[in-house]
Amino acid sequence: MTNRKRVGALLMCLGMALFLFVSSTFIAHEVGHDCSGEDCPICQMIAIHVILLRTLGFALLIALALFALRQVRSTRHGQRQQRLPASGTLVSWKIRLND
């Protein structure tokens, strides 16, 4: 099941990258078109692509922030496990006192 999740995640990333590339290329190509008026289909498509790119960019920003937060929390959790517990005795910590 893990391989299916990885393949699915990879396909989703490739699809998003393809969408970003195609949308950006479309906007760059059609920015200087001859507008036909109020109901110009090209202007409507450019507006839709801009909205989608902003939304996708915001979602990507949130995902990166959550990933960074998860990394920080796992690092802190690992450091916490390396310390001795706050409560306990020398016997429970298996510390031997030799004079």
C-alpha atoms as a PDB file:
ATOM      1  CA  MET A   1       0.000   0.000   0.000  1.00  0.00           C
ATOM      2  CA  THR A   2       2.920   2.328   0.639  1.00  0.00           C
ATOM      3  CA  ASN A   3       4.051   2.140  -2.987  1.00  0.00           C
ATOM      4  CA  ARG A   4       0.566   3.089  -4.183  1.00  0.00           C
ATOM      5  CA  LYS A   5       0.586   6.150  -1.948  1.00  0.00           C
ATOM      6  CA  ARG A   6       4.017   7.152  -3.215  1.00  0.00           C
ATOM      7  CA  VAL A   7       3.001   6.722  -6.838  1.00  0.00           C
ATOM      8  CA  GLY A   8      -0.207   8.670  -6.215  1.00  0.00           C
ATOM      9  CA  ALA A   9       1.697  11.483  -4.507  1.00  0.00           C
ATOM     10  CA  LEU A  10       4.230  11.560  -7.336  1.00  0.00           C
ATOM     11  CA  LEU A  11       1.477  11.727  -9.967  1.00  0.00           C
ATOM     12  CA  MET A  12      -0.247  14.501  -8.047  1.00  0.00           C
ATOM     13  CA  CYS A  13       3.005  16.491  -7.844  1.00  0.00           C
ATOM     14  CA  LEU A  14       3.640  16.007 -11.540  1.00  0.00           C
ATOM     15  CA  GLY A  15       0.086  17.086 -12.346  1.00  0.00           C
ATOM     16  CA  MET A  16       0.440  20.215 -10.234  1.00  0.00           C
ATOM     17  CA  ALA A  17       3.790  21.043 -11.852  1.00  0.00           C
ATOM     18  CA  LEU A  18       2.290  20.536 -15.305  1.00  0.00           C
ATOM     19  CA  PHE A  19      -0.675  22.733 -14.392  1.00  0.00           C
ATOM     20  CA  LEU A  20       1.640  25.482 -13.118  1.00  0.00           C
ATOM     21  CA  PHE A  21       3.723  25.319 -16.285  1.00  0.00           C
ATOM     22  CA  VAL A  22       0.749  25.336 -18.665  1.00  0.00           C
ATOM     23  CA  SER A  23      -1.063  28.121 -16.784  1.00  0.00           C
ATOM     24  CA  SER A  24       2.014  30.314 -16.613  1.00  0.00           C
ATOM     25  CA  THR A  25       2.767  29.734 -20.289  1.00  0.00           C
ATOM     26  CA  PHE A  26      -0.829  30.543 -21.269  1.00  0.00           C
ATOM     27  CA  ILE A  27      -0.832  33.754 -19.252  1.00  0.00           C
ATOM     28  CA  ALA A  28       2.552  34.837 -20.619  1.00  0.00           C
ATOM     29  CA  HIS A  29       1.500  34.075 -24.193  1.00  0.00           C
ATOM     30  CA  GLU A  30      -1.916  35.756 -24.087  1.00  0.00           C
ATOM     31  CA  VAL A  31      -1.151  38.805 -21.941  1.00  0.00           C
ATOM     32  CA  GLY A  32      -0.781  41.093 -24.958  1.00  0.00           C
ATOM     33  CA  HIS A  33      -3.748  39.839 -26.985  1.00  0.00           C
ATOM     34  CA  ASP A  34      -6.218  42.081 -28.804  1.00  0.00           C
ATOM     35  CA  CYS A  35      -9.156  42.285 -26.428  1.00  0.00           C
ATOM     36  CA  SER A  36     -12.582  42.096 -28.086  1.00  0.00           C
ATOM     37  CA  GLY A  37     -14.492  43.866 -25.310  1.00  0.00           C
ATOM     38  CA  GLU A  38     -16.238  43.118 -22.048  1.00  0.00           C
ATOM     39  CA  ASP A  39     -16.941  39.438 -22.668  1.00  0.00           C
ATOM     40  CA  CYS A  40     -13.512  38.522 -23.981  1.00  0.00           C
ATOM     41  CA  PRO A  41     -13.026  34.746 -23.462  1.00  0.00           C
ATOM     42  CA  ILE A  42      -9.258  35.093 -23.299  1.00  0.00           C
ATOM     43  CA  CYS A  43      -9.470  37.701 -20.526  1.00  0.00           C
ATOM     44  CA  GLN A  44     -11.854  35.413 -18.617  1.00  0.00           C
ATOM     45  CA  MET A  45      -9.469  32.475 -18.969  1.00  0.00           C
ATOM     46  CA  ILE A  46      -6.537  34.612 -17.816  1.00  0.00           C
ATOM     47  CA  ALA A  47      -8.556  35.703 -14.753  1.00  0.00           C
ATOM     48  CA  ILE A  48      -9.422  32.081 -13.950  1.00  0.00           C
ATOM     49  CA  HIS A  49      -5.803  30.968 -14.289  1.00  0.00           C
ATOM     50  CA  VAL A  50      -4.579  33.809 -12.076  1.00  0.00           C
ATOM     51  CA  ILE A  51      -7.098  32.884  -9.373  1.00  0.00           C
ATOM     52  CA  LEU A  52      -6.121  29.205  -9.581  1.00  0.00           C
ATOM     53  CA  LEU A  53      -2.415  30.033  -9.414  1.00  0.00           C
ATOM     54  CA  ARG A  54      -2.941  32.228  -6.351  1.00  0.00           C
ATOM     55  CA  THR A  55      -4.991  29.535  -4.640  1.00  0.00           C
ATOM     56  CA  LEU A  56      -2.490  26.825  -5.491  1.00  0.00           C
ATOM     57  CA  GLY A  57       0.379  29.028  -4.334  1.00  0.00           C
ATOM     58  CA  PHE A  58      -1.355  29.676  -1.016  1.00  0.00           C
ATOM     59  CA  ALA A  59      -2.049  25.969  -0.543  1.00  0.00           C
ATOM     60  CA  LEU A  60       1.581  25.189  -1.335  1.00  0.00           C
ATOM     61  CA  LEU A  61       2.715  27.796   1.189  1.00  0.00           C
ATOM     62  CA  ILE A  62       0.516  26.237   3.881  1.00  0.00           C
ATOM     63  CA  ALA A  63       1.805  22.753   3.031  1.00  0.00           C
ATOM     64  CA  LEU A  64       5.415  23.917   3.291  1.00  0.00           C
ATOM     65  CA  ALA A  65       4.710  25.607   6.630  1.00  0.00           C
ATOM     66  CA  LEU A  66       3.098  22.436   7.990  1.00  0.00           C
ATOM     67  CA  PHE A  67       6.026  20.361   6.739  1.00  0.00           C
ATOM     68  CA  ALA A  68       8.515  22.702   8.445  1.00  0.00           C
ATOM     69  CA  LEU A  69       6.490  22.613  11.672  1.00  0.00           C
ATOM     70  CA  ARG A  70       6.429  18.824  11.565  1.00  0.00           C
ATOM     71  CA  GLN A  71      10.203  18.694  11.073  1.00  0.00           C
ATOM     72  CA  VAL A  72      10.791  21.044  14.018  1.00  0.00           C
ATOM     73  CA  ARG A  73       8.459  19.068  16.260  1.00  0.00           C
ATOM     74  CA  SER A  74      10.068  15.745  15.359  1.00  0.00           C
ATOM     75  CA  THR A  75      13.522  17.206  16.028  1.00  0.00           C
ATOM     76  CA  ARG A  76      12.440  18.504  19.419  1.00  0.00           C
ATOM     77  CA  HIS A  77      10.773  15.197  20.209  1.00  0.00           C
ATOM     78  CA  GLY A  78      14.019  13.374  19.392  1.00  0.00           C
ATOM     79  CA  GLN A  79      15.999  15.689  21.655  1.00  0.00           C
ATOM     80  CA  ARG A  80      13.498  15.204  24.451  1.00  0.00           C
ATOM     81  CA  GLN A  81      13.918  11.433  24.313  1.00  0.00           C
ATOM     82  CA  GLN A  82      17.691  11.701  24.674  1.00  0.00           C
ATOM     83  CA  ARG A  83      17.478  13.485  28.018  1.00  0.00           C
ATOM     84  CA  LEU A  84      17.039  11.709  31.323  1.00  0.00           C
ATOM     85  CA  PRO A  85      13.513  11.719  32.675  1.00  0.00           C
ATOM     86  CA  ALA A  86      12.703  14.507  35.135  1.00  0.00           C
ATOM     87  CA  SER A  87      11.472  12.080  37.767  1.00  0.00           C
ATOM     88  CA  GLY A  88      12.983   8.839  38.913  1.00  0.00           C
ATOM     89  CA  THR A  89      15.755   7.467  41.022  1.00  0.00           C
ATOM     90  CA  LEU A  90      19.322   6.519  40.318  1.00  0.00           C
ATOM     91  CA  VAL A  91      18.261   2.875  40.373  1.00  0.00           C
ATOM     92  CA  SER A  92      15.528   3.462  37.767  1.00  0.00           C
ATOM     93  CA  TRP A  93      18.097   5.295  35.614  1.00  0.00           C
ATOM     94  CA  LYS A  94      20.514   2.404  36.204  1.00  0.00           C
ATOM     95  CA  ILE A  95      23.254   4.679  37.482  1.00  0.00           C
ATOM     96  CA  ARG A  96      25.823   3.019  39.689  1.00  0.00           C
ATOM     97  CA  LEU A  97      27.672   5.105  42.260  1.00  0.00           C
ATOM     98  CA  ASN A  98      31.165   3.800  42.877  1.00  0.00           C
ATOM     99  CA  ASP A  99      33.433   5.475  45.386  1.00  0.00           C
END
